[in-house]
Amino acid sequence: MEKFANELLATLEQELQQAGIETENNLQQFERSYMIATAKLGELKDFIQGYTFKSEEEEIKFFKEIKPLFHKEAIYYNELYNIESERPLISDQSQKQFYEKTIDRIMSYFDRHRELYNYYRTGKTNKDKSFFQRSTLSNPISKHYVLDLDTSFSTPHSIDLAHLQAYEQLCRYIDTTYYKKGEPLSEDTKRNRGTIWSSTKAALIELAVALYYSGSVNYGKGGFKKFISELEAFFQIQLGNVYRVFLGMVIRKKEPAPFLHQLLDAFIRRLEEKSI
């Protein structure tokens, strides 16, 4: 089963790349990519309908790890097609409002499926049987699952998980295409424009949260959003949806504040070397 799925996934990725090369604009690319993804999802479905899982573990792995890889692409490109076809073209302000509304809708979905999202992000397994086995139809099910008439190819949470993964991907797309417009700056351009933040966006958000909520900036007054806007202007960066990034920090497994520890390590090294 895994061999077939991996080969089919490789073909899917190859055809999606080809769609990006051969189409003339984003709308054509997204439409063609959606058709490719749904076709591959159909091939996967046909295979599974003639396949008997060898164990509970294999069935769980399929609905938790394998099927969402295909399903999320169909959801993702459907969303991209809708965004591109509905995006206003008249002004930057209209586009900003449009993208912010889209992000709000995505965050609302994350909030409604917080339990599953945290379960997925933290790598838990204790509810796998009730979440990702077809035999557990008596368990509470989502609206998406109710609308899916083919229960042989769905579990109570596999569809919701695919949506969560697709929306993560969609957030990254919006972040790179709207909040980070234009080509990467050359080193000469960066020098001419002043101070540039050269670490990750998550690192700057981590630092911003620590500085602001420790009361180290304006005695903790003035508003966190305003502070973020000032950092963006100073470092010439767009941080995108800070709330979404912060939620990802909340469930970090190993180290909740890696950048702050990196700063401390750098400071200690300077002390040991007695130079700045």
Protein backbone atom coordinates (compact mmCIF):
# COMPACT_ATOMS: atom_id res chain seq x y z
CA MET A 1 0.00 0.00 0.00
CA GLU A 2 2.74 2.46 1.00
CA LYS A 3 4.72 1.71 -2.17
CA PHE A 4 1.70 2.53 -4.34
CA ALA A 5 0.91 5.68 -2.35
CA ASN A 6 4.52 6.93 -2.48
CA GLU A 7 4.74 6.41 -6.25
CA LEU A 8 1.39 8.14 -6.75
CA LEU A 9 2.48 11.03 -4.53
CA ALA A 10 5.70 11.44 -6.51
CA THR A 11 3.66 11.58 -9.72
CA LEU A 12 1.33 14.14 -8.15
CA GLU A 13 4.22 16.40 -7.17
CA GLN A 14 5.79 16.09 -10.62
CA GLU A 15 2.54 16.98 -12.40
CA LEU A 16 1.92 19.93 -10.08
CA GLN A 17 5.38 21.28 -10.91
CA GLN A 18 4.67 20.81 -14.61
CA ALA A 19 1.38 22.70 -14.25
CA GLY A 20 3.30 25.66 -12.86
CA ILE A 21 5.58 25.66 -15.89
CA GLU A 22 3.05 25.13 -18.65
CA THR A 23 0.22 27.46 -17.59
CA GLU A 24 0.16 31.15 -18.48
CA ASN A 25 -1.19 32.63 -15.25
CA ASN A 26 -2.05 31.79 -11.65
CA LEU A 27 -5.72 31.15 -12.32
CA GLN A 28 -4.92 28.57 -14.99
CA GLN A 29 -2.26 26.98 -12.79
CA PHE A 30 -4.55 26.66 -9.77
CA GLU A 31 -7.41 25.23 -11.80
CA ARG A 32 -5.18 22.67 -13.50
CA SER A 33 -3.46 21.79 -10.21
CA TYR A 34 -6.84 21.22 -8.56
CA MET A 35 -7.86 18.86 -11.35
CA ILE A 36 -4.55 16.98 -11.02
CA ALA A 37 -4.90 16.65 -7.25
CA THR A 38 -8.50 15.42 -7.42
CA ALA A 39 -7.56 12.91 -10.14
CA LYS A 40 -4.75 11.47 -7.99
CA LEU A 41 -7.05 11.39 -4.97
CA GLY A 42 -9.48 9.40 -7.13
CA GLU A 43 -6.75 6.93 -8.08
CA LEU A 44 -5.89 6.50 -4.41
CA LYS A 45 -9.54 5.89 -3.61
CA ASP A 46 -9.86 3.26 -6.35
CA PHE A 47 -6.81 1.46 -4.97
CA ILE A 48 -8.05 1.49 -1.37
CA GLN A 49 -11.48 0.19 -2.32
CA GLY A 50 -9.81 -2.97 -3.63
CA TYR A 51 -7.30 -3.22 -0.79
CA THR A 52 -7.59 -4.85 2.64
CA PHE A 53 -5.52 -3.25 5.39
CA LYS A 54 -3.18 -5.73 7.02
CA SER A 55 -3.64 -4.26 10.51
CA GLU A 56 -5.26 -1.49 12.52
CA GLU A 57 -1.93 0.31 12.51
CA GLU A 58 -1.78 0.32 8.71
CA GLU A 59 -5.33 1.67 8.45
CA ILE A 60 -4.57 4.43 10.95
CA LYS A 61 -1.36 5.33 9.12
CA PHE A 62 -3.27 5.62 5.86
CA PHE A 63 -6.01 7.93 7.14
CA LYS A 64 -3.71 9.93 9.43
CA GLU A 65 -0.58 10.32 7.31
CA ILE A 66 -1.13 9.23 3.70
CA LYS A 67 -4.59 10.26 2.51
CA PRO A 68 -4.32 13.84 3.90
CA LEU A 69 -1.21 14.38 1.73
CA PHE A 70 -3.39 13.99 -1.35
CA HIS A 71 -6.59 15.52 -0.03
CA LYS A 72 -4.88 18.67 1.26
CA GLU A 73 -3.57 19.47 -2.23
CA ALA A 74 -7.09 19.39 -3.68
CA ILE A 75 -8.35 21.65 -0.89
CA TYR A 76 -5.32 23.97 -1.20
CA TYR A 77 -5.62 24.54 -4.95
CA ASN A 78 -9.38 24.93 -4.72
CA GLU A 79 -8.81 27.69 -2.15
CA LEU A 80 -6.10 29.30 -4.29
CA TYR A 81 -8.37 29.29 -7.32
CA ASN A 82 -11.15 30.98 -5.34
CA ILE A 83 -8.73 33.55 -3.92
CA GLU A 84 -7.25 34.42 -7.30
CA SER A 85 -10.66 34.67 -8.99
CA GLU A 86 -12.23 36.76 -6.19
CA ARG A 87 -9.23 38.95 -5.30
CA PRO A 88 -10.02 42.65 -5.88
CA LEU A 89 -7.77 44.41 -8.37
CA ILE A 90 -8.68 48.03 -7.69
CA SER A 91 -6.48 49.08 -4.75
CA ASP A 92 -3.91 47.88 -2.21
CA GLN A 93 -6.33 48.66 0.61
CA SER A 94 -9.04 46.47 -0.94
CA GLN A 95 -6.57 43.64 -1.37
CA LYS A 96 -5.37 44.02 2.20
CA GLN A 97 -8.93 43.75 3.50
CA PHE A 98 -9.56 40.74 1.26
CA TYR A 99 -6.50 38.85 2.51
CA GLU A 100 -7.17 39.76 6.14
CA LYS A 101 -10.71 38.42 5.78
CA THR A 102 -9.32 35.20 4.32
CA ILE A 103 -6.86 34.84 7.19
CA ASP A 104 -9.67 35.46 9.71
CA ARG A 105 -11.70 32.67 8.09
CA ILE A 106 -8.74 30.31 8.29
CA MET A 107 -8.05 31.17 11.92
CA SER A 108 -11.71 30.59 12.74
CA TYR A 109 -11.35 27.08 11.31
CA PHE A 110 -8.23 26.47 13.40
CA ASP A 111 -10.08 27.65 16.51
CA ARG A 112 -13.03 25.32 15.84
CA HIS A 113 -10.67 22.37 15.42
CA ARG A 114 -8.19 23.29 18.13
CA GLU A 115 -8.20 19.83 19.71
CA LEU A 116 -7.36 18.05 16.47
CA TYR A 117 -4.81 20.70 15.45
CA ASN A 118 -2.94 20.41 18.75
CA TYR A 119 -3.17 16.62 18.55
CA TYR A 120 -1.64 16.68 15.06
CA ARG A 121 1.06 19.26 15.85
CA THR A 122 2.19 17.58 19.07
CA GLY A 123 2.43 14.13 17.48
CA LYS A 124 0.07 12.44 19.91
CA THR A 125 -1.28 8.94 19.20
CA ASN A 126 -3.62 8.12 22.09
CA LYS A 127 -6.80 8.91 20.11
CA ASP A 128 -5.71 7.46 16.77
CA LYS A 129 -8.26 4.65 16.86
CA SER A 130 -11.23 6.96 17.34
CA PHE A 131 -9.90 9.62 14.96
CA PHE A 132 -8.51 7.56 12.08
CA GLN A 133 -10.35 4.23 11.87
CA ARG A 134 -13.43 3.71 9.72
CA SER A 135 -14.99 1.37 12.29
CA THR A 136 -15.50 4.19 14.80
CA LEU A 137 -18.53 5.82 13.15
CA SER A 138 -20.32 6.11 16.49
CA ASN A 139 -17.85 8.80 17.59
CA PRO A 140 -18.63 12.51 17.14
CA ILE A 141 -18.00 13.53 13.55
CA SER A 142 -17.37 16.81 11.79
CA LYS A 143 -19.59 18.67 9.35
CA HIS A 144 -17.20 17.83 6.51
CA TYR A 145 -17.44 14.14 7.30
CA VAL A 146 -21.24 14.25 7.38
CA LEU A 147 -21.19 15.73 3.87
CA ASP A 148 -18.82 13.03 2.59
CA LEU A 149 -21.12 10.24 1.46
CA ASP A 150 -18.37 7.64 0.92
CA THR A 151 -17.58 6.38 4.41
CA SER A 152 -15.26 3.71 2.97
CA PHE A 153 -12.75 6.44 2.13
CA SER A 154 -13.14 8.69 5.16
CA THR A 155 -12.77 8.70 8.93
CA PRO A 156 -14.20 11.14 11.46
CA HIS A 157 -11.11 13.36 11.42
CA SER A 158 -9.11 12.59 8.27
CA ILE A 159 -10.99 15.24 6.29
CA ASP A 160 -10.57 17.88 8.98
CA LEU A 161 -6.85 17.08 9.22
CA ALA A 162 -6.48 17.56 5.47
CA HIS A 163 -8.20 20.95 5.77
CA LEU A 164 -5.87 21.99 8.61
CA GLN A 165 -2.80 21.03 6.58
CA ALA A 166 -4.12 22.80 3.49
CA TYR A 167 -4.84 25.95 5.49
CA GLU A 168 -1.32 25.92 6.94
CA GLN A 169 -0.06 25.83 3.35
CA LEU A 170 -2.48 28.59 2.37
CA CYS A 171 -1.24 30.84 5.17
CA ARG A 172 2.32 30.42 3.90
CA TYR A 173 1.17 31.30 0.38
CA ILE A 174 -0.57 34.48 1.54
CA ASP A 175 2.44 35.39 3.64
CA THR A 176 4.89 35.09 0.74
CA THR A 177 2.71 36.54 -2.03
CA TYR A 178 0.99 39.40 -0.23
CA TYR A 179 2.97 40.26 2.88
CA LYS A 180 6.34 39.77 1.12
CA LYS A 181 5.76 41.29 -2.29
CA GLY A 182 8.60 41.60 -4.77
CA GLU A 183 11.90 39.89 -5.44
CA PRO A 184 14.48 39.26 -2.71
CA LEU A 185 16.60 42.32 -2.07
CA SER A 186 20.21 42.31 -3.21
CA GLU A 187 22.91 42.85 -0.60
CA ASP A 188 23.64 46.34 -2.01
CA THR A 189 19.97 47.25 -1.78
CA LYS A 190 19.81 46.00 1.79
CA ARG A 191 22.78 48.13 2.79
CA ASN A 192 21.24 51.19 1.19
CA ARG A 193 17.93 50.69 2.96
CA GLY A 194 19.31 50.52 6.50
CA THR A 195 18.79 47.83 9.14
CA ILE A 196 17.44 44.51 7.85
CA TRP A 197 16.22 41.66 10.04
CA SER A 198 18.27 38.65 8.92
CA SER A 199 16.90 35.93 11.20
CA THR A 200 13.49 34.25 10.87
CA LYS A 201 10.16 35.98 11.30
CA ALA A 202 9.32 33.62 14.15
CA ALA A 203 12.52 34.72 15.92
CA LEU A 204 11.52 38.39 15.72
CA ILE A 205 8.02 37.60 17.00
CA GLU A 206 9.53 35.62 19.86
CA LEU A 207 11.73 38.60 20.74
CA ALA A 208 8.84 41.05 20.38
CA VAL A 209 6.61 39.08 22.76
CA ALA A 210 9.38 38.89 25.37
CA LEU A 211 10.25 42.60 25.11
CA TYR A 212 6.68 43.87 25.16
CA TYR A 213 5.17 41.66 27.84
CA SER A 214 8.17 42.09 30.14
CA GLY A 215 7.28 45.78 30.26
CA SER A 216 10.63 46.71 28.71
CA VAL A 217 9.07 48.86 25.97
CA ASN A 218 6.96 51.88 26.93
CA TYR A 219 6.33 50.22 30.30
CA GLY A 220 4.19 47.63 28.53
CA LYS A 221 1.83 50.29 27.20
CA GLY A 222 0.89 51.43 23.72
CA GLY A 223 -0.48 48.16 22.34
CA PHE A 224 1.27 45.05 21.09
CA LYS A 225 0.03 45.49 17.51
CA LYS A 226 1.48 48.99 17.39
CA PHE A 227 4.80 47.65 18.69
CA ILE A 228 4.81 44.98 15.97
CA SER A 229 4.13 47.64 13.32
CA GLU A 230 7.06 49.69 14.59
CA LEU A 231 9.37 46.67 14.46
CA GLU A 232 8.22 45.90 10.92
CA ALA A 233 8.98 49.45 9.83
CA PHE A 234 12.36 49.52 11.56
CA PHE A 235 13.55 46.16 10.23
CA GLN A 236 11.80 46.51 6.83
CA ILE A 237 9.90 43.25 7.16
CA GLN A 238 6.28 42.09 7.07
CA LEU A 239 5.56 39.61 9.87
CA GLY A 240 2.17 38.56 8.54
CA ASN A 241 -0.27 36.94 10.94
CA VAL A 242 1.60 37.18 14.26
CA TYR A 243 -1.21 35.43 16.15
CA ARG A 244 -0.92 32.34 13.95
CA VAL A 245 2.84 32.14 14.44
CA PHE A 246 2.44 32.57 18.21
CA LEU A 247 -0.05 29.68 18.33
CA GLY A 248 2.62 27.50 16.76
CA MET A 249 5.02 28.51 19.54
CA VAL A 250 2.49 27.52 22.21
CA ILE A 251 2.79 23.83 21.32
CA ARG A 252 6.51 23.62 20.57
CA LYS A 253 7.71 20.24 21.77
CA LYS A 254 11.29 20.70 22.91
CA GLU A 255 12.11 24.35 23.45
CA PRO A 256 9.44 27.10 23.62
CA ALA A 257 11.93 29.96 23.15
CA PRO A 258 14.91 28.80 21.03
CA PHE A 259 15.79 32.28 19.76
CA LEU A 260 15.92 33.80 23.25
CA HIS A 261 18.28 31.01 24.33
CA GLN A 262 20.36 31.68 21.23
CA LEU A 263 20.61 35.34 22.27
CA LEU A 264 21.70 34.34 25.77
CA ASP A 265 24.37 32.02 24.37
CA ALA A 266 25.68 34.81 22.12
CA PHE A 267 25.81 37.21 25.08
CA ILE A 268 27.70 34.71 27.27
CA ARG A 269 30.25 34.13 24.50
CA ARG A 270 30.88 37.87 24.26
CA LEU A 271 31.44 38.01 28.01
CA GLU A 272 33.90 35.13 27.85
CA GLU A 273 35.76 36.73 24.95
CA LYS A 274 35.69 40.13 26.70
CA SER A 275 34.97 41.99 23.44
CA ILE A 276 32.11 43.58 21.55
